[in-house]
Amino acid sequence: MLDAQRLGGLQSRLLLRVDEVAQMIGVSKATAYDLVNRNEIPSIRLAGRGGRGLLRVPADALRKMVEQRSTSAEGK
């Protein structure tokens, strides 16, 4: 669980790890990865060791996605 101090620190960062996003939106790590893989959560892959790279979620894009979905849910 994220405490208020840690959450504040995450919100000031540009990029978040998928496990951090999972905690922020209240889903499992596996569900968060599934949402990223289905492009429901925006993500970028940075160059990294081993050829796969580092998967990160831009914090601003995550905020916008949540706001858009909240707005569309209110209209239903």
PDB file of N, CA and C in Angstrom:
ATOM      1  N   MET A   1       0.842  -1.189   0.000  1.00  0.00           N
ATOM      2  CA  MET A   1       0.000   0.000   0.000  1.00  0.00           C
ATOM      3  C   MET A   1       0.880   1.242   0.000  1.00  0.00           C
ATOM      4  N   LEU A   2       0.462   2.256  -0.721  1.00  0.00           N
ATOM      5  CA  LEU A   2       1.219   3.495  -0.789  1.00  0.00           C
ATOM      6  C   LEU A   2       0.798   4.440   0.325  1.00  0.00           C
ATOM      7  N   ASP A   3       1.778   4.963   1.057  1.00  0.00           N
ATOM      8  CA  ASP A   3       1.439   5.990   2.039  1.00  0.00           C
ATOM      9  C   ASP A   3       1.420   7.348   1.337  1.00  0.00           C
ATOM     10  N   ALA A   4       0.900   8.370   2.007  1.00  0.00           N
ATOM     11  CA  ALA A   4       0.715   9.688   1.392  1.00  0.00           C
ATOM     12  C   ALA A   4       2.041  10.294   0.938  1.00  0.00           C
ATOM     13  N   GLN A   5       3.102  10.110   1.697  1.00  0.00           N
ATOM     14  CA  GLN A   5       4.393  10.680   1.332  1.00  0.00           C
ATOM     15  C   GLN A   5       4.929  10.037   0.053  1.00  0.00           C
ATOM     16  N   ARG A   6       4.846   8.715  -0.036  1.00  0.00           N
ATOM     17  CA  ARG A   6       5.333   8.013  -1.235  1.00  0.00           C
ATOM     18  C   ARG A   6       4.471   8.363  -2.435  1.00  0.00           C
ATOM     19  N   LEU A   7       3.162   8.451  -2.267  1.00  0.00           N
ATOM     20  CA  LEU A   7       2.273   8.809  -3.365  1.00  0.00           C
ATOM     21  C   LEU A   7       2.603  10.204  -3.878  1.00  0.00           C
ATOM     22  N   GLY A   8       2.878  11.140  -2.974  1.00  0.00           N
ATOM     23  CA  GLY A   8       3.261  12.487  -3.376  1.00  0.00           C
ATOM     24  C   GLY A   8       4.530  12.481  -4.214  1.00  0.00           C
ATOM     25  N   GLY A   9       5.490  11.644  -3.834  1.00  0.00           N
ATOM     26  CA  GLY A   9       6.735  11.534  -4.596  1.00  0.00           C
ATOM     27  C   GLY A   9       6.511  10.947  -5.975  1.00  0.00           C
ATOM     28  N   LEU A  10       5.627   9.966  -6.082  1.00  0.00           N
ATOM     29  CA  LEU A  10       5.325   9.367  -7.379  1.00  0.00           C
ATOM     30  C   LEU A  10       4.644  10.365  -8.299  1.00  0.00           C
ATOM     31  N   GLN A  11       3.772  11.181  -7.747  1.00  0.00           N
ATOM     32  CA  GLN A  11       3.028  12.126  -8.572  1.00  0.00           C
ATOM     33  C   GLN A  11       3.918  13.208  -9.149  1.00  0.00           C
ATOM     34  N   SER A  12       5.095  13.442  -8.571  1.00  0.00           N
ATOM     35  CA  SER A  12       5.983  14.472  -9.086  1.00  0.00           C
ATOM     36  C   SER A  12       6.945  13.927 -10.144  1.00  0.00           C
ATOM     37  N   ARG A  13       6.960  12.628 -10.372  1.00  0.00           N
ATOM     38  CA  ARG A  13       7.859  12.029 -11.363  1.00  0.00           C
ATOM     39  C   ARG A  13       7.226  12.030 -12.739  1.00  0.00           C
ATOM     40  N   LEU A  14       8.040  12.066 -13.780  1.00  0.00           N
ATOM     41  CA  LEU A  14       7.557  12.032 -15.154  1.00  0.00           C
ATOM     42  C   LEU A  14       7.126  10.639 -15.580  1.00  0.00           C
ATOM     43  N   LEU A  15       7.889   9.628 -15.175  1.00  0.00           N
ATOM     44  CA  LEU A  15       7.632   8.249 -15.587  1.00  0.00           C
ATOM     45  C   LEU A  15       7.454   7.351 -14.371  1.00  0.00           C
ATOM     46  N   LEU A  16       6.531   6.417 -14.495  1.00  0.00           N
ATOM     47  CA  LEU A  16       6.236   5.486 -13.404  1.00  0.00           C
ATOM     48  C   LEU A  16       6.447   4.054 -13.864  1.00  0.00           C
ATOM     49  N   ARG A  17       6.853   3.191 -12.944  1.00  0.00           N
ATOM     50  CA  ARG A  17       6.925   1.761 -13.237  1.00  0.00           C
ATOM     51  C   ARG A  17       5.507   1.191 -13.233  1.00  0.00           C
ATOM     52  N   VAL A  18       5.309   0.099 -13.932  1.00  0.00           N
ATOM     53  CA  VAL A  18       3.980  -0.502 -14.028  1.00  0.00           C
ATOM     54  C   VAL A  18       3.484  -0.954 -12.660  1.00  0.00           C
ATOM     55  N   ASP A  19       4.358  -1.465 -11.807  1.00  0.00           N
ATOM     56  CA  ASP A  19       3.907  -1.892 -10.472  1.00  0.00           C
ATOM     57  C   ASP A  19       3.456  -0.693  -9.639  1.00  0.00           C
ATOM     58  N   GLU A  20       4.080   0.471  -9.839  1.00  0.00           N
ATOM     59  CA  GLU A  20       3.649   1.680  -9.132  1.00  0.00           C
ATOM     60  C   GLU A  20       2.270   2.124  -9.629  1.00  0.00           C
ATOM     61  N   VAL A  21       2.072   2.037 -10.933  1.00  0.00           N
ATOM     62  CA  VAL A  21       0.768   2.377 -11.515  1.00  0.00           C
ATOM     63  C   VAL A  21      -0.306   1.454 -10.956  1.00  0.00           C
ATOM     64  N   ALA A  22       0.002   0.168 -10.849  1.00  0.00           N
ATOM     65  CA  ALA A  22      -0.960  -0.799 -10.311  1.00  0.00           C
ATOM     66  C   ALA A  22      -1.410  -0.379  -8.914  1.00  0.00           C
ATOM     67  N   GLN A  23      -0.465   0.004  -8.069  1.00  0.00           N
ATOM     68  CA  GLN A  23      -0.813   0.433  -6.711  1.00  0.00           C
ATOM     69  C   GLN A  23      -1.647   1.709  -6.740  1.00  0.00           C
ATOM     70  N   MET A  24      -1.296   2.635  -7.626  1.00  0.00           N
ATOM     71  CA  MET A  24      -1.999   3.911  -7.685  1.00  0.00           C
ATOM     72  C   MET A  24      -3.456   3.751  -8.108  1.00  0.00           C
ATOM     73  N   ILE A  25      -3.719   2.820  -9.040  1.00  0.00           N
ATOM     74  CA  ILE A  25      -5.092   2.675  -9.537  1.00  0.00           C
ATOM     75  C   ILE A  25      -5.830   1.510  -8.884  1.00  0.00           C
ATOM     76  N   GLY A  26      -5.162   0.812  -7.979  1.00  0.00           N
ATOM     77  CA  GLY A  26      -5.826  -0.217  -7.189  1.00  0.00           C
ATOM     78  C   GLY A  26      -6.103  -1.526  -7.914  1.00  0.00           C
ATOM     79  N   VAL A  27      -5.158  -1.925  -8.782  1.00  0.00           N
ATOM     80  CA  VAL A  27      -5.286  -3.216  -9.458  1.00  0.00           C
ATOM     81  C   VAL A  27      -4.021  -4.027  -9.204  1.00  0.00           C
ATOM     82  N   SER A  28      -4.064  -5.297  -9.557  1.00  0.00           N
ATOM     83  CA  SER A  28      -2.876  -6.132  -9.395  1.00  0.00           C
ATOM     84  C   SER A  28      -1.823  -5.748 -10.436  1.00  0.00           C
ATOM     85  N   LYS A  29      -0.599  -6.152 -10.157  1.00  0.00           N
ATOM     86  CA  LYS A  29       0.499  -5.905 -11.092  1.00  0.00           C
ATOM     87  C   LYS A  29       0.211  -6.596 -12.428  1.00  0.00           C
ATOM     88  N   ALA A  30      -0.318  -7.810 -12.387  1.00  0.00           N
ATOM     89  CA  ALA A  30      -0.634  -8.547 -13.612  1.00  0.00           C
ATOM     90  C   ALA A  30      -1.700  -7.819 -14.431  1.00  0.00           C
ATOM     91  N   THR A  31      -2.713  -7.288 -13.756  1.00  0.00           N
ATOM     92  CA  THR A  31      -3.769  -6.546 -14.451  1.00  0.00           C
ATOM     93  C   THR A  31      -3.198  -5.281 -15.079  1.00  0.00           C
ATOM     94  N   ALA A  32      -2.323  -4.582 -14.362  1.00  0.00           N
ATOM     95  CA  ALA A  32      -1.712  -3.370 -14.906  1.00  0.00           C
ATOM     96  C   ALA A  32      -0.896  -3.692 -16.158  1.00  0.00           C
ATOM     97  N   TYR A  33      -0.109  -4.773 -16.123  1.00  0.00           N
ATOM     98  CA  TYR A  33       0.649  -5.167 -17.311  1.00  0.00           C
ATOM     99  C   TYR A  33      -0.287  -5.530 -18.453  1.00  0.00           C
ATOM    100  N   ASP A  34      -1.387  -6.198 -18.149  1.00  0.00           N
ATOM    101  CA  ASP A  34      -2.367  -6.541 -19.180  1.00  0.00           C
ATOM    102  C   ASP A  34      -2.952  -5.280 -19.811  1.00  0.00           C
ATOM    103  N   LEU A  35      -3.294  -4.292 -18.995  1.00  0.00           N
ATOM    104  CA  LEU A  35      -3.830  -3.025 -19.509  1.00  0.00           C
ATOM    105  C   LEU A  35      -2.808  -2.298 -20.376  1.00  0.00           C
ATOM    106  N   VAL A  36      -1.542  -2.340 -19.979  1.00  0.00           N
ATOM    107  CA  VAL A  36      -0.479  -1.734 -20.789  1.00  0.00           C
ATOM    108  C   VAL A  36      -0.348  -2.478 -22.115  1.00  0.00           C
ATOM    109  N   ASN A  37      -0.339  -3.800 -22.069  1.00  0.00           N
ATOM    110  CA  ASN A  37      -0.198  -4.600 -23.288  1.00  0.00           C
ATOM    111  C   ASN A  37      -1.358  -4.410 -24.250  1.00  0.00           C
ATOM    112  N   ARG A  38      -2.547  -4.097 -23.716  1.00  0.00           N
ATOM    113  CA  ARG A  38      -3.720  -3.839 -24.565  1.00  0.00           C
ATOM    114  C   ARG A  38      -3.839  -2.362 -24.938  1.00  0.00           C
ATOM    115  N   ASN A  39      -2.820  -1.578 -24.586  1.00  0.00           N
ATOM    116  CA  ASN A  39      -2.767  -0.137 -24.861  1.00  0.00           C
ATOM    117  C   ASN A  39      -3.893   0.644 -24.206  1.00  0.00           C
ATOM    118  N   GLU A  40      -4.441   0.126 -23.118  1.00  0.00           N
ATOM    119  CA  GLU A  40      -5.445   0.870 -22.353  1.00  0.00           C
ATOM    120  C   GLU A  40      -4.767   1.839 -21.390  1.00  0.00           C
ATOM    121  N   ILE A  41      -3.546   1.520 -20.991  1.00  0.00           N
ATOM    122  CA  ILE A  41      -2.704   2.440 -20.229  1.00  0.00           C
ATOM    123  C   ILE A  41      -1.540   2.781 -21.151  1.00  0.00           C
ATOM    124  N   PRO A  42      -1.330   4.079 -21.422  1.00  0.00           N
ATOM    125  CA  PRO A  42      -0.227   4.474 -22.296  1.00  0.00           C
ATOM    126  C   PRO A  42       1.125   4.136 -21.675  1.00  0.00           C
ATOM    127  N   SER A  43       2.071   3.726 -22.509  1.00  0.00           N
ATOM    128  CA  SER A  43       3.393   3.376 -21.994  1.00  0.00           C
ATOM    129  C   SER A  43       4.453   3.662 -23.047  1.00  0.00           C
ATOM    130  N   ILE A  44       5.686   3.697 -22.581  1.00  0.00           N
ATOM    131  CA  ILE A  44       6.831   3.820 -23.472  1.00  0.00           C
ATOM    132  C   ILE A  44       7.873   2.801 -23.033  1.00  0.00           C
ATOM    133  N   ARG A  45       8.721   2.413 -23.968  1.00  0.00           N
ATOM    134  CA  ARG A  45       9.805   1.487 -23.643  1.00  0.00           C
ATOM    135  C   ARG A  45      11.123   2.226 -23.843  1.00  0.00           C
ATOM    136  N   LEU A  46      11.906   2.291 -22.788  1.00  0.00           N
ATOM    137  CA  LEU A  46      13.208   2.935 -22.827  1.00  0.00           C
ATOM    138  C   LEU A  46      14.279   1.886 -23.070  1.00  0.00           C
ATOM    139  N   ALA A  47      15.364   2.287 -23.700  1.00  0.00           N
ATOM    140  CA  ALA A  47      16.465   1.362 -23.924  1.00  0.00           C
ATOM    141  C   ALA A  47      16.985   0.860 -22.588  1.00  0.00           C
ATOM    142  N   GLY A  48      17.274  -0.411 -22.544  1.00  0.00           N
ATOM    143  CA  GLY A  48      17.785  -0.991 -21.311  1.00  0.00           C
ATOM    144  C   GLY A  48      18.635  -2.199 -21.607  1.00  0.00           C
ATOM    145  N   ARG A  49      19.157  -2.789 -20.571  1.00  0.00           N
ATOM    146  CA  ARG A  49      19.990  -3.981 -20.731  1.00  0.00           C
ATOM    147  C   ARG A  49      19.133  -5.170 -21.127  1.00  0.00           C
ATOM    148  N   GLY A  50      19.713  -6.070 -21.871  1.00  0.00           N
ATOM    149  CA  GLY A  50      19.018  -7.300 -22.220  1.00  0.00           C
ATOM    150  C   GLY A  50      18.116  -7.186 -23.431  1.00  0.00           C
ATOM    151  N   GLY A  51      18.075  -6.043 -24.069  1.00  0.00           N
ATOM    152  CA  GLY A  51      17.318  -5.901 -25.302  1.00  0.00           C
ATOM    153  C   GLY A  51      15.844  -5.592 -25.153  1.00  0.00           C
ATOM    154  N   ARG A  52      15.248  -5.882 -24.009  1.00  0.00           N
ATOM    155  CA  ARG A  52      13.811  -5.661 -23.835  1.00  0.00           C
ATOM    156  C   ARG A  52      13.494  -4.215 -23.493  1.00  0.00           C
ATOM    157  N   GLY A  53      14.367  -3.568 -22.790  1.00  0.00           N
ATOM    158  CA  GLY A  53      14.135  -2.189 -22.400  1.00  0.00           C
ATOM    159  C   GLY A  53      13.313  -2.089 -21.129  1.00  0.00           C
ATOM    160  N   LEU A  54      13.132  -0.873 -20.695  1.00  0.00           N
ATOM    161  CA  LEU A  54      12.392  -0.587 -19.468  1.00  0.00           C
ATOM    162  C   LEU A  54      11.024  -0.041 -19.834  1.00  0.00           C
ATOM    163  N   LEU A  55       9.987  -0.673 -19.346  1.00  0.00           N
ATOM    164  CA  LEU A  55       8.624  -0.249 -19.618  1.00  0.00           C
ATOM    165  C   LEU A  55       8.218   0.780 -18.571  1.00  0.00           C
ATOM    166  N   ARG A  56       7.784   1.950 -19.030  1.00  0.00           N
ATOM    167  CA  ARG A  56       7.375   3.017 -18.134  1.00  0.00           C
ATOM    168  C   ARG A  56       6.069   3.642 -18.607  1.00  0.00           C
ATOM    169  N   VAL A  57       5.336   4.193 -17.657  1.00  0.00           N
ATOM    170  CA  VAL A  57       4.066   4.865 -17.947  1.00  0.00           C
ATOM    171  C   VAL A  57       4.259   6.351 -17.681  1.00  0.00           C
ATOM    172  N   PRO A  58       4.061   7.204 -18.693  1.00  0.00           N
ATOM    173  CA  PRO A  58       4.150   8.640 -18.455  1.00  0.00           C
ATOM    174  C   PRO A  58       3.048   9.086 -17.492  1.00  0.00           C
ATOM    175  N   ALA A  59       3.433   9.764 -16.421  1.00  0.00           N
ATOM    176  CA  ALA A  59       2.474  10.149 -15.383  1.00  0.00           C
ATOM    177  C   ALA A  59       1.363  11.043 -15.942  1.00  0.00           C
ATOM    178  N   ASP A  60       1.709  11.994 -16.797  1.00  0.00           N
ATOM    179  CA  ASP A  60       0.686  12.882 -17.370  1.00  0.00           C
ATOM    180  C   ASP A  60      -0.318  12.116 -18.223  1.00  0.00           C
ATOM    181  N   ALA A  61       0.168  11.154 -19.001  1.00  0.00           N
ATOM    182  CA  ALA A  61      -0.726  10.358 -19.847  1.00  0.00           C
ATOM    183  C   ALA A  61      -1.665   9.509 -18.983  1.00  0.00           C
ATOM    184  N   LEU A  62      -1.161   8.992 -17.878  1.00  0.00           N
ATOM    185  CA  LEU A  62      -2.002   8.217 -16.965  1.00  0.00           C
ATOM    186  C   LEU A  62      -3.089   9.103 -16.357  1.00  0.00           C
ATOM    187  N   ARG A  63      -2.709  10.304 -15.916  1.00  0.00           N
ATOM    188  CA  ARG A  63      -3.703  11.238 -15.362  1.00  0.00           C
ATOM    189  C   ARG A  63      -4.789  11.571 -16.379  1.00  0.00           C
ATOM    190  N   LYS A  64      -4.373  11.866 -17.609  1.00  0.00           N
ATOM    191  CA  LYS A  64      -5.340  12.199 -18.659  1.00  0.00           C
ATOM    192  C   LYS A  64      -6.280  11.029 -18.943  1.00  0.00           C
ATOM    193  N   MET A  65      -5.726   9.811 -18.993  1.00  0.00           N
ATOM    194  CA  MET A  65      -6.531   8.621 -19.244  1.00  0.00           C
ATOM    195  C   MET A  65      -7.575   8.440 -18.152  1.00  0.00           C
ATOM    196  N   VAL A  66      -7.165   8.616 -16.899  1.00  0.00           N
ATOM    197  CA  VAL A  66      -8.101   8.460 -15.783  1.00  0.00           C
ATOM    198  C   VAL A  66      -9.177   9.548 -15.842  1.00  0.00           C
ATOM    199  N   GLU A  67      -8.779  10.785 -16.132  1.00  0.00           N
ATOM    200  CA  GLU A  67      -9.747  11.882 -16.235  1.00  0.00           C
ATOM    201  C   GLU A  67     -10.753  11.634 -17.357  1.00  0.00           C
ATOM    202  N   GLN A  68     -10.274  11.189 -18.506  1.00  0.00           N
ATOM    203  CA  GLN A  68     -11.166  10.920 -19.645  1.00  0.00           C
ATOM    204  C   GLN A  68     -12.153   9.809 -19.305  1.00  0.00           C
ATOM    205  N   ARG A  69     -11.662   8.770 -18.691  1.00  0.00           N
ATOM    206  CA  ARG A  69     -12.553   7.656 -18.350  1.00  0.00           C
ATOM    207  C   ARG A  69     -13.533   8.038 -17.261  1.00  0.00           C
ATOM    208  N   SER A  70     -13.091   8.889 -16.334  1.00  0.00           N
ATOM    209  CA  SER A  70     -13.996   9.356 -15.276  1.00  0.00           C
ATOM    210  C   SER A  70     -15.102  10.212 -15.870  1.00  0.00           C
ATOM    211  N   THR A  71     -14.746  11.072 -16.808  1.00  0.00           N
ATOM    212  CA  THR A  71     -15.705  11.949 -17.465  1.00  0.00           C
ATOM    213  C   THR A  71     -16.703  11.138 -18.278  1.00  0.00           C
ATOM    214  N   SER A  72     -16.223  10.139 -19.024  1.00  0.00           N
ATOM    215  CA  SER A  72     -17.132   9.338 -19.848  1.00  0.00           C
ATOM    216  C   SER A  72     -18.027   8.467 -18.970  1.00  0.00           C
ATOM    217  N   ALA A  73     -17.537   8.027 -17.810  1.00  0.00           N
ATOM    218  CA  ALA A  73     -18.354   7.218 -16.899  1.00  0.00           C
ATOM    219  C   ALA A  73     -19.456   8.067 -16.261  1.00  0.00           C
ATOM    220  N   GLU A  74     -19.160   9.342 -16.015  1.00  0.00           N
ATOM    221  CA  GLU A  74     -20.160  10.237 -15.430  1.00  0.00           C
ATOM    222  C   GLU A  74     -21.296  10.513 -16.398  1.00  0.00           C
ATOM    223  N   GLY A  75     -20.999  10.507 -17.694  1.00  0.00           N
ATOM    224  CA  GLY A  75     -22.002  10.811 -18.702  1.00  0.00           C
ATOM    225  C   GLY A  75     -22.965   9.663 -18.972  1.00  0.00           C
ATOM    226  N   LYS A  76     -22.680   8.497 -18.445  1.00  0.00           N
ATOM    227  CA  LYS A  76     -23.550   7.324 -18.699  1.00  0.00           C
ATOM    228  C   LYS A  76     -24.677   7.260 -17.730  1.00  0.00           C
TER     229      LYS A  76
END
